[in-house]
C-alpha atoms as a PDB file:
ATOM      1  CA  UNK A   1     -20.271  10.849  -7.347  1.00  0.00           C
ATOM      2  CA  UNK A   2     -17.133   9.752  -5.524  1.00  0.00           C
ATOM      3  CA  UNK A   3     -13.884   8.411  -6.999  1.00  0.00           C
ATOM      4  CA  UNK A   4     -14.878   4.772  -6.494  1.00  0.00           C
ATOM      5  CA  UNK A   5     -18.031   5.257  -8.534  1.00  0.00           C
ATOM      6  CA  UNK A   6     -16.058   6.933 -11.343  1.00  0.00           C
ATOM      7  CA  UNK A   7     -13.790   3.919 -11.510  1.00  0.00           C
ATOM      8  CA  UNK A   8     -16.751   1.541 -11.540  1.00  0.00           C
ATOM      9  CA  UNK A   9     -18.463   3.494 -14.328  1.00  0.00           C
ATOM     10  CA  UNK A  10     -15.250   3.505 -16.386  1.00  0.00           C
ATOM     11  CA  UNK A  11     -14.790  -0.256 -15.871  1.00  0.00           C
ATOM     12  CA  UNK A  12     -18.416  -0.912 -16.767  1.00  0.00           C
ATOM     13  CA  UNK A  13     -18.047   1.048 -19.998  1.00  0.00           C
ATOM     14  CA  UNK A  14     -14.854  -0.864 -20.808  1.00  0.00           C
ATOM     15  CA  UNK A  15     -16.572  -4.230 -20.371  1.00  0.00           C
ATOM     16  CA  UNK A  16     -19.461  -3.091 -22.563  1.00  0.00           C
ATOM     17  CA  UNK A  17     -17.135  -2.393 -25.477  1.00  0.00           C
ATOM     18  CA  UNK A  18     -16.783   1.338 -24.871  1.00  0.00           C
ATOM     19  CA  UNK A  19     -13.375   2.673 -25.901  1.00  0.00           C
ATOM     20  CA  UNK A  20     -12.009   6.136 -25.238  1.00  0.00           C
ATOM     21  CA  UNK A  21     -10.650   8.156 -28.129  1.00  0.00           C
ATOM     22  CA  UNK A  22      -6.903   8.253 -28.732  1.00  0.00           C
ATOM     23  CA  UNK A  23      -6.946  11.906 -27.695  1.00  0.00           C
ATOM     24  CA  UNK A  24      -8.509  11.088 -24.316  1.00  0.00           C
ATOM     25  CA  UNK A  25      -6.082   8.215 -23.760  1.00  0.00           C
ATOM     26  CA  UNK A  26      -3.132  10.518 -24.558  1.00  0.00           C
ATOM     27  CA  UNK A  27      -4.435  13.133 -22.147  1.00  0.00           C
ATOM     28  CA  UNK A  28      -4.790  10.509 -19.405  1.00  0.00           C
ATOM     29  CA  UNK A  29      -1.185   9.393 -20.030  1.00  0.00           C
ATOM     30  CA  UNK A  30       0.035  12.999 -19.695  1.00  0.00           C
ATOM     31  CA  UNK A  31      -1.871  13.412 -16.445  1.00  0.00           C
ATOM     32  CA  UNK A  32      -0.458  10.149 -15.057  1.00  0.00           C
ATOM     33  CA  UNK A  33       3.063  11.275 -15.916  1.00  0.00           C
ATOM     34  CA  UNK A  34       2.571  14.709 -14.339  1.00  0.00           C
ATOM     35  CA  UNK A  35       1.209  13.074 -11.196  1.00  0.00           C
ATOM     36  CA  UNK A  36       4.076  10.572 -11.061  1.00  0.00           C
ATOM     37  CA  UNK A  37       6.592  13.419 -11.338  1.00  0.00           C
ATOM     38  CA  UNK A  38       4.765  15.476  -8.706  1.00  0.00           C
ATOM     39  CA  UNK A  39       4.780  12.541  -6.284  1.00  0.00           C
ATOM     40  CA  UNK A  40       8.480  11.835  -6.912  1.00  0.00           C
ATOM     41  CA  UNK A  41       9.415  15.456  -6.161  1.00  0.00           C
ATOM     42  CA  UNK A  42       7.252  15.514  -3.033  1.00  0.00           C
ATOM     43  CA  UNK A  43       8.569  12.171  -1.763  1.00  0.00           C
ATOM     44  CA  UNK A  44      12.228  13.120  -2.290  1.00  0.00           C
ATOM     45  CA  UNK A  45      11.715  16.555  -0.705  1.00  0.00           C
ATOM     46  CA  UNK A  46      10.141  14.938   2.351  1.00  0.00           C
ATOM     47  CA  UNK A  47      12.903  12.325   2.464  1.00  0.00           C
ATOM     48  CA  UNK A  48      15.426  15.173   2.718  1.00  0.00           C
ATOM     49  CA  UNK A  49      13.310  16.975   5.319  1.00  0.00           C
ATOM     50  CA  UNK A  50      12.968  20.092   3.180  1.00  0.00           C
ATOM     51  CA  UNK A  51      10.081  22.529   3.031  1.00  0.00           C
ATOM     52  CA  UNK A  52       8.861  23.818  -0.311  1.00  0.00           C
ATOM     53  CA  UNK A  53      10.565  27.124   0.442  1.00  0.00           C
ATOM     54  CA  UNK A  54      13.874  25.418   1.172  1.00  0.00           C
ATOM     55  CA  UNK A  55      13.672  23.402  -2.051  1.00  0.00           C
ATOM     56  CA  UNK A  56      12.793  26.580  -3.940  1.00  0.00           C
ATOM     57  CA  UNK A  57      15.868  28.303  -2.546  1.00  0.00           C
ATOM     58  CA  UNK A  58      18.130  25.339  -3.394  1.00  0.00           C
ATOM     59  CA  UNK A  59      16.793  25.140  -6.950  1.00  0.00           C
ATOM     60  CA  UNK A  60      16.556  28.861  -7.697  1.00  0.00           C
ATOM     61  CA  UNK A  61      12.799  28.632  -8.153  1.00  0.00           C
ATOM     62  CA  UNK A  62       9.926  30.189  -6.248  1.00  0.00           C
ATOM     63  CA  UNK A  63       7.923  28.379  -3.598  1.00  0.00           C
ATOM     64  CA  UNK A  64       4.859  28.868  -5.796  1.00  0.00           C
ATOM     65  CA  UNK A  65       6.597  27.048  -8.672  1.00  0.00           C
ATOM     66  CA  UNK A  66       7.492  24.135  -6.369  1.00  0.00           C
ATOM     67  CA  UNK A  67       3.859  24.030  -5.247  1.00  0.00           C
ATOM     68  CA  UNK A  68       2.687  23.903  -8.871  1.00  0.00           C
ATOM     69  CA  UNK A  69       5.178  21.119  -9.649  1.00  0.00           C
ATOM     70  CA  UNK A  70       4.039  19.084  -6.639  1.00  0.00           C
ATOM     71  CA  UNK A  71       0.417  19.740  -7.543  1.00  0.00           C
ATOM     72  CA  UNK A  72       0.989  18.452 -11.091  1.00  0.00           C
ATOM     73  CA  UNK A  73      -0.041  21.896 -12.351  1.00  0.00           C
ATOM     74  CA  UNK A  74       3.231  22.688 -14.144  1.00  0.00           C
ATOM     75  CA  UNK A  75       4.701  21.153 -17.266  1.00  0.00           C
ATOM     76  CA  UNK A  76       8.381  20.717 -16.447  1.00  0.00           C
ATOM     77  CA  UNK A  77      11.011  21.731 -18.963  1.00  0.00           C
ATOM     78  CA  UNK A  78      14.359  19.962 -19.250  1.00  0.00           C
ATOM     79  CA  UNK A  79      16.180  22.789 -17.432  1.00  0.00           C
ATOM     80  CA  UNK A  80      13.602  22.620 -14.614  1.00  0.00           C
ATOM     81  CA  UNK A  81      14.085  18.846 -14.329  1.00  0.00           C
ATOM     82  CA  UNK A  82      17.854  19.364 -14.052  1.00  0.00           C
ATOM     83  CA  UNK A  83      17.488  22.094 -11.416  1.00  0.00           C
ATOM     84  CA  UNK A  84      15.187  19.968  -9.297  1.00  0.00           C
ATOM     85  CA  UNK A  85      17.383  16.879  -9.572  1.00  0.00           C
ATOM     86  CA  UNK A  86      20.428  18.884  -8.444  1.00  0.00           C
ATOM     87  CA  UNK A  87      18.504  20.572  -5.640  1.00  0.00           C
ATOM     88  CA  UNK A  88      17.252  17.168  -4.451  1.00  0.00           C
ATOM     89  CA  UNK A  89      20.788  15.680  -4.546  1.00  0.00           C
ATOM     90  CA  UNK A  90      19.623  12.959  -6.891  1.00  0.00           C
ATOM     91  CA  UNK A  91      19.559  11.629 -10.403  1.00  0.00           C
ATOM     92  CA  UNK A  92      16.198  11.720 -12.121  1.00  0.00           C
ATOM     93  CA  UNK A  93      15.005   8.611 -13.949  1.00  0.00           C
ATOM     94  CA  UNK A  94      11.904   8.668 -16.126  1.00  0.00           C
ATOM     95  CA  UNK A  95      10.605   5.465 -17.720  1.00  0.00           C
ATOM     96  CA  UNK A  96       7.895   5.809 -20.348  1.00  0.00           C
ATOM     97  CA  UNK A  97       5.873   2.907 -21.678  1.00  0.00           C
ATOM     98  CA  UNK A  98       2.584   2.391 -23.460  1.00  0.00           C
ATOM     99  CA  UNK A  99       0.636   1.936 -20.257  1.00  0.00           C
ATOM    100  CA  UNK A 100       3.149   2.714 -17.535  1.00  0.00           C
ATOM    101  CA  UNK A 101       5.037   5.822 -16.475  1.00  0.00           C
ATOM    102  CA  UNK A 102       7.578   5.805 -13.679  1.00  0.00           C
ATOM    103  CA  UNK A 103       9.490   8.747 -12.257  1.00  0.00           C
ATOM    104  CA  UNK A 104      12.130   8.226  -9.571  1.00  0.00           C
ATOM    105  CA  UNK A 105      14.864  10.215  -7.923  1.00  0.00           C
ATOM    106  CA  UNK A 106      17.933   8.124  -7.092  1.00  0.00           C
ATOM    107  CA  UNK A 107      19.940   9.643  -4.246  1.00  0.00           C
ATOM    108  CA  UNK A 108      23.526  10.461  -5.074  1.00  0.00           C
ATOM    109  CA  UNK A 109      26.086   8.753  -2.847  1.00  0.00           C
ATOM    110  CA  UNK A 110      27.582  11.013  -0.201  1.00  0.00           C
ATOM    111  CA  UNK A 111      31.043  12.275  -1.100  1.00  0.00           C
END
């Protein structure tokens, strides 16, 4: 079954009165947030023209850790968020809502 069919099945269940448990909804929210963060790191790294290895060196992390972050396989800690923001020459903004998560890096002005 491809992704489109999954979406159609989920929508069909929703229209038939099916509701996911609160636990499943919370897990989906965590996954969305991890993916939003991963995409923000990847996008900013590419914007700066950095490789994963270069970002790892700038942040004091390993290339494998950067790969896990960009793959949404790592749960970032506050110190890790700070290190990445500094290494990406940006401020990190995270907006959390009931049904919307947004993660953005805002480039710092050049000195």
